[in-house]
N, C-alpha and C. Protein backbone atom coordinates (compact mmCIF):
# COMPACT_ATOMS: atom_id res chain seq x y z
N UNK A 1 -4.97 -5.07 8.03
CA UNK A 1 -4.32 -5.24 6.78
C UNK A 1 -3.97 -3.79 6.16
N UNK A 2 -4.58 -2.77 6.46
CA UNK A 2 -4.21 -1.46 5.93
C UNK A 2 -2.76 -1.16 6.08
N UNK A 3 -2.23 -1.44 7.29
CA UNK A 3 -0.85 -1.20 7.58
C UNK A 3 0.09 -2.00 6.62
N UNK A 4 -0.36 -3.18 6.33
CA UNK A 4 0.41 -4.10 5.46
C UNK A 4 0.40 -3.53 4.06
N UNK A 5 -0.81 -3.04 3.66
CA UNK A 5 -0.98 -2.48 2.22
C UNK A 5 0.01 -1.21 2.24
N UNK A 6 0.04 -0.39 3.29
CA UNK A 6 0.86 0.77 3.35
C UNK A 6 2.37 0.42 3.13
N UNK A 7 2.91 -0.83 3.59
CA UNK A 7 4.22 -1.20 3.48
C UNK A 7 4.40 -1.67 2.03
N UNK A 8 3.53 -2.66 1.62
CA UNK A 8 3.88 -3.28 0.31
C UNK A 8 3.62 -2.62 -0.84
N UNK A 9 2.69 -1.69 -0.95
CA UNK A 9 2.23 -0.99 -2.09
C UNK A 9 3.52 -0.06 -2.63
N UNK A 10 4.05 0.76 -1.75
CA UNK A 10 5.26 1.54 -2.24
C UNK A 10 6.38 0.56 -2.67
N UNK A 11 6.69 -0.56 -1.97
CA UNK A 11 7.68 -1.39 -2.50
C UNK A 11 7.35 -2.04 -3.80
N UNK A 12 6.25 -2.49 -4.09
CA UNK A 12 5.91 -2.87 -5.38
C UNK A 12 5.96 -1.89 -6.39
N UNK A 13 5.55 -0.63 -6.10
CA UNK A 13 5.71 0.47 -7.08
C UNK A 13 7.16 0.85 -7.37
N UNK A 14 8.04 0.47 -6.43
CA UNK A 14 9.48 0.59 -6.75
C UNK A 14 9.99 -0.30 -7.77
N UNK A 15 9.25 -1.42 -7.99
CA UNK A 15 9.50 -2.36 -8.93
C UNK A 15 8.90 -2.11 -10.31
N UNK A 16 7.70 -1.73 -10.16
CA UNK A 16 6.82 -1.45 -11.31
C UNK A 16 5.84 -0.37 -11.07
N UNK A 17 5.65 0.56 -12.06
CA UNK A 17 4.85 1.71 -11.85
C UNK A 17 3.32 1.50 -11.67
N UNK A 18 2.81 0.40 -12.27
CA UNK A 18 1.37 0.14 -12.19
C UNK A 18 1.08 -0.91 -11.24
N UNK A 19 0.57 -0.69 -10.10
CA UNK A 19 0.27 -1.63 -9.00
C UNK A 19 -1.16 -1.32 -8.39
N UNK A 20 -1.94 -2.32 -8.32
CA UNK A 20 -3.24 -2.22 -7.72
C UNK A 20 -3.52 -3.22 -6.78
N UNK A 21 -4.49 -2.91 -5.77
CA UNK A 21 -4.78 -3.71 -4.61
C UNK A 21 -6.20 -4.35 -5.08
N UNK A 22 -6.20 -5.67 -5.12
CA UNK A 22 -7.30 -6.61 -5.37
C UNK A 22 -7.90 -6.48 -6.80
N UNK A 23 -8.10 -5.35 -7.57
CA UNK A 23 -8.55 -5.28 -8.82
C UNK A 23 -8.01 -4.18 -9.52
N UNK A 24 -7.71 -4.44 -10.84
CA UNK A 24 -7.19 -3.21 -11.63
C UNK A 24 -8.31 -2.68 -12.36
N UNK A 25 -8.41 -1.28 -12.68
CA UNK A 25 -9.49 -0.75 -13.40
C UNK A 25 -9.52 -1.43 -14.85
N UNK A 26 -10.64 -1.32 -15.44
CA UNK A 26 -10.79 -1.87 -16.79
C UNK A 26 -9.80 -1.24 -17.88
N UNK A 27 -9.51 0.00 -17.59
CA UNK A 27 -8.66 0.82 -18.58
C UNK A 27 -7.20 0.75 -18.11
N UNK A 28 -6.86 -0.28 -17.18
CA UNK A 28 -5.31 -0.14 -16.83
C UNK A 28 -4.50 -0.56 -17.88
N UNK A 29 -3.48 0.14 -18.01
CA UNK A 29 -2.39 -0.16 -19.08
C UNK A 29 -1.53 -1.41 -18.60
N UNK A 30 -1.39 -2.27 -19.67
CA UNK A 30 -0.54 -3.49 -19.53
C UNK A 30 0.86 -3.01 -19.59
N UNK A 31 1.87 -3.70 -18.98
CA UNK A 31 1.58 -4.80 -17.89
C UNK A 31 1.32 -4.11 -16.66
N UNK A 32 0.75 -4.75 -15.74
CA UNK A 32 0.43 -4.32 -14.38
C UNK A 32 0.53 -5.42 -13.25
N UNK A 33 0.57 -5.09 -12.08
CA UNK A 33 0.55 -6.02 -10.93
C UNK A 33 -0.78 -5.86 -10.12
N UNK A 34 -1.29 -6.90 -9.57
CA UNK A 34 -2.48 -6.87 -8.76
C UNK A 34 -2.05 -7.73 -7.53
N UNK A 35 -2.08 -7.16 -6.31
CA UNK A 35 -1.95 -7.90 -5.17
C UNK A 35 -3.14 -7.98 -4.19
N UNK A 36 -3.10 -9.05 -3.36
CA UNK A 36 -4.29 -9.27 -2.39
C UNK A 36 -3.64 -10.04 -1.27
N UNK A 37 -4.39 -10.07 -0.18
CA UNK A 37 -3.90 -10.87 1.02
C UNK A 37 -5.08 -11.84 1.42
N UNK A 38 -4.59 -12.90 2.17
CA UNK A 38 -5.52 -13.86 2.73
C UNK A 38 -5.02 -14.11 4.14
N UNK A 39 -5.76 -13.96 5.15
CA UNK A 39 -5.21 -14.13 6.55
C UNK A 39 -5.36 -15.60 6.83
N UNK A 40 -4.25 -16.23 7.24
CA UNK A 40 -4.21 -17.63 7.50
C UNK A 40 -4.38 -17.87 8.90
N UNK A 41 -3.58 -17.22 9.89
CA UNK A 41 -3.66 -17.39 11.24
C UNK A 41 -3.56 -16.08 11.93
N UNK A 42 -4.08 -16.00 13.19
CA UNK A 42 -3.99 -14.84 14.04
C UNK A 42 -3.87 -15.41 15.42
N UNK A 43 -2.68 -15.29 15.97
CA UNK A 43 -2.44 -15.94 17.36
C UNK A 43 -2.90 -15.21 18.53
N UNK A 44 -3.75 -14.06 18.26
CA UNK A 44 -4.38 -13.30 19.37
C UNK A 44 -3.38 -12.44 20.20
N UNK A 45 -2.05 -12.61 19.74
CA UNK A 45 -0.91 -11.78 20.48
C UNK A 45 -0.42 -10.78 19.60
N UNK A 46 -1.10 -10.48 18.43
CA UNK A 46 -0.54 -9.50 17.41
C UNK A 46 0.25 -10.04 16.39
N UNK A 47 0.45 -11.34 16.32
CA UNK A 47 1.18 -11.98 15.16
C UNK A 47 0.23 -12.61 14.26
N UNK A 48 0.46 -12.47 13.01
CA UNK A 48 -0.48 -12.96 12.00
C UNK A 48 0.32 -13.61 10.87
N UNK A 49 -0.19 -14.72 10.37
CA UNK A 49 0.35 -15.22 9.11
C UNK A 49 -0.61 -14.86 8.06
N UNK A 50 -0.02 -14.35 6.96
CA UNK A 50 -0.93 -13.79 5.83
C UNK A 50 -0.22 -14.29 4.59
N UNK A 51 -1.09 -14.79 3.61
CA UNK A 51 -0.64 -15.10 2.29
C UNK A 51 -0.87 -13.85 1.33
N UNK A 52 0.29 -13.58 0.76
CA UNK A 52 0.28 -12.42 -0.18
C UNK A 52 0.29 -12.94 -1.63
N UNK A 53 -0.63 -12.55 -2.45
CA UNK A 53 -0.69 -13.01 -3.78
C UNK A 53 -0.48 -11.88 -4.65
N UNK A 54 0.56 -11.99 -5.50
CA UNK A 54 0.90 -10.90 -6.44
C UNK A 54 0.83 -11.50 -7.85
N UNK A 55 -0.13 -10.92 -8.58
CA UNK A 55 -0.26 -11.50 -9.84
C UNK A 55 0.20 -10.35 -10.99
N UNK A 56 0.90 -10.85 -11.98
CA UNK A 56 1.26 -9.93 -13.16
C UNK A 56 0.33 -10.19 -14.27
N UNK A 57 -0.04 -9.05 -14.97
CA UNK A 57 -0.84 -9.23 -16.12
C UNK A 57 -0.30 -8.41 -17.28
N UNK A 58 -0.36 -8.99 -18.32
CA UNK A 58 0.17 -8.42 -19.69
C UNK A 58 -0.67 -9.01 -20.81
N UNK A 59 -0.63 -8.23 -21.91
CA UNK A 59 -1.34 -8.66 -23.16
C UNK A 59 -0.50 -8.28 -24.37
N UNK A 60 0.67 -8.85 -24.51
CA UNK A 60 1.44 -8.47 -25.65
C UNK A 60 0.84 -8.86 -27.07
N UNK A 61 1.02 -7.99 -28.05
CA UNK A 61 0.46 -8.40 -29.30
C UNK A 61 0.99 -9.65 -29.96
N UNK A 62 2.27 -9.85 -29.65
CA UNK A 62 2.81 -10.99 -30.21
C UNK A 62 2.80 -12.28 -29.39
N UNK A 63 2.12 -12.12 -28.17
CA UNK A 63 1.90 -13.42 -27.34
C UNK A 63 3.18 -13.66 -26.53
N UNK A 64 4.23 -12.96 -26.65
CA UNK A 64 5.53 -13.39 -26.03
C UNK A 64 5.35 -12.94 -24.46
N UNK A 65 5.61 -13.94 -23.73
CA UNK A 65 5.44 -13.78 -22.22
C UNK A 65 6.81 -13.30 -21.51
N UNK A 66 7.82 -13.18 -22.23
CA UNK A 66 9.10 -12.90 -21.63
C UNK A 66 9.11 -11.71 -20.72
N UNK A 67 8.51 -10.57 -21.17
CA UNK A 67 8.47 -9.40 -20.34
C UNK A 67 7.84 -9.65 -19.00
N UNK A 68 6.71 -10.30 -19.08
CA UNK A 68 5.87 -10.63 -17.88
C UNK A 68 6.68 -11.56 -16.98
N UNK A 69 7.33 -12.55 -17.50
CA UNK A 69 8.06 -13.51 -16.69
C UNK A 69 9.21 -12.67 -16.00
N UNK A 70 9.83 -11.80 -16.78
CA UNK A 70 10.94 -11.01 -16.25
C UNK A 70 10.47 -10.17 -15.05
N UNK A 71 9.26 -9.56 -15.27
CA UNK A 71 8.69 -8.73 -14.13
C UNK A 71 8.39 -9.53 -12.89
N UNK A 72 7.75 -10.72 -13.09
CA UNK A 72 7.50 -11.53 -11.96
C UNK A 72 8.79 -12.01 -11.22
N UNK A 73 9.82 -12.27 -12.02
CA UNK A 73 11.19 -12.68 -11.25
C UNK A 73 11.65 -11.51 -10.48
N UNK A 74 11.48 -10.37 -11.03
CA UNK A 74 11.92 -9.14 -10.23
C UNK A 74 11.04 -8.92 -9.00
N UNK A 75 9.77 -9.13 -9.06
CA UNK A 75 8.94 -9.15 -7.75
C UNK A 75 9.35 -10.20 -6.84
N UNK A 76 9.63 -11.39 -7.19
CA UNK A 76 10.06 -12.42 -6.38
C UNK A 76 11.48 -12.08 -5.90
N UNK A 77 12.46 -11.78 -6.65
CA UNK A 77 13.78 -11.31 -6.17
C UNK A 77 14.69 -12.46 -6.13
N UNK A 78 15.86 -12.22 -5.58
CA UNK A 78 17.01 -13.17 -5.58
C UNK A 78 16.81 -14.07 -4.39
N UNK A 79 16.02 -13.82 -3.31
CA UNK A 79 15.87 -14.63 -2.20
C UNK A 79 17.16 -14.52 -1.26
N UNK A 80 17.98 -13.72 -1.45
CA UNK A 80 19.15 -13.46 -0.65
C UNK A 80 18.62 -12.91 0.75
N UNK A 81 18.93 -13.59 1.79
CA UNK A 81 18.47 -13.07 3.07
C UNK A 81 19.24 -11.81 3.53
N UNK A 82 20.43 -11.65 2.99
CA UNK A 82 21.15 -10.47 3.54
C UNK A 82 20.80 -9.30 2.70
N UNK A 83 20.53 -9.49 1.36
CA UNK A 83 20.27 -8.34 0.54
C UNK A 83 19.28 -8.74 -0.50
N UNK A 84 17.91 -8.87 -0.05
CA UNK A 84 16.81 -9.33 -0.96
C UNK A 84 16.50 -8.31 -2.13
N UNK A 85 16.43 -8.67 -3.32
CA UNK A 85 16.11 -7.71 -4.34
C UNK A 85 14.54 -7.66 -4.59
N UNK A 86 13.73 -8.52 -4.07
CA UNK A 86 12.33 -8.51 -4.34
C UNK A 86 11.79 -8.93 -3.11
N UNK A 87 10.45 -9.46 -3.13
CA UNK A 87 9.77 -9.80 -1.91
C UNK A 87 10.27 -11.02 -1.17
N UNK A 88 10.81 -12.00 -1.81
CA UNK A 88 11.26 -13.07 -1.14
C UNK A 88 12.39 -12.87 -0.19
N UNK A 89 12.19 -13.08 1.12
CA UNK A 89 12.96 -12.86 2.31
C UNK A 89 13.24 -11.33 2.53
N UNK A 90 12.37 -10.55 1.89
CA UNK A 90 12.40 -8.97 2.19
C UNK A 90 11.59 -8.65 3.54
N UNK A 91 12.18 -7.87 4.37
CA UNK A 91 11.63 -7.32 5.53
C UNK A 91 11.31 -5.87 5.39
N UNK A 92 10.01 -5.58 5.58
CA UNK A 92 9.53 -4.22 5.49
C UNK A 92 9.14 -3.81 6.85
N UNK A 93 9.52 -2.57 7.27
CA UNK A 93 9.21 -2.05 8.68
C UNK A 93 8.44 -0.64 8.54
N UNK A 94 7.64 -0.53 9.52
CA UNK A 94 6.95 0.81 9.91
C UNK A 94 6.86 0.82 11.33
N UNK A 95 6.47 1.91 11.87
CA UNK A 95 6.25 2.09 13.31
C UNK A 95 5.27 0.98 13.83
N UNK A 96 5.67 0.15 14.68
CA UNK A 96 4.83 -0.97 15.29
C UNK A 96 4.56 -2.20 14.34
N UNK A 97 5.27 -2.14 13.13
CA UNK A 97 4.90 -3.17 12.36
C UNK A 97 6.22 -3.64 11.49
N UNK A 98 6.41 -5.00 11.59
CA UNK A 98 7.55 -5.61 10.78
C UNK A 98 7.03 -6.80 10.04
N UNK A 99 7.30 -6.92 8.72
CA UNK A 99 6.75 -8.00 7.97
C UNK A 99 7.96 -8.54 7.11
N UNK A 100 8.00 -9.88 7.14
CA UNK A 100 9.04 -10.57 6.37
C UNK A 100 8.24 -11.44 5.43
N UNK A 101 8.73 -11.44 4.07
CA UNK A 101 8.00 -12.27 3.09
C UNK A 101 8.85 -13.47 2.72
N UNK A 102 8.20 -14.64 2.62
CA UNK A 102 8.83 -15.80 2.26
C UNK A 102 8.00 -16.49 1.10
């Protein structure tokens, strides 16, 4: 999973500057993103199916969730297979690793 983290972390940071793996520190400035993985299958041939959970956190004084909703829409992206703007249908690659998100 380390290789996957090395791919997704910089991509999420390109969307928002405050990104954490698994847990944010207690003093994290809002809003921020937290992501984690759950392995679903491993076929033994080097292919894995992994669930990626990306949570957005905010605490606006006025209770308005619009900024957080907009951030999460940006993380998800437009879903365009030819030119995805977020994670949905995005393929990230590194040496020996290619990951496509759906």
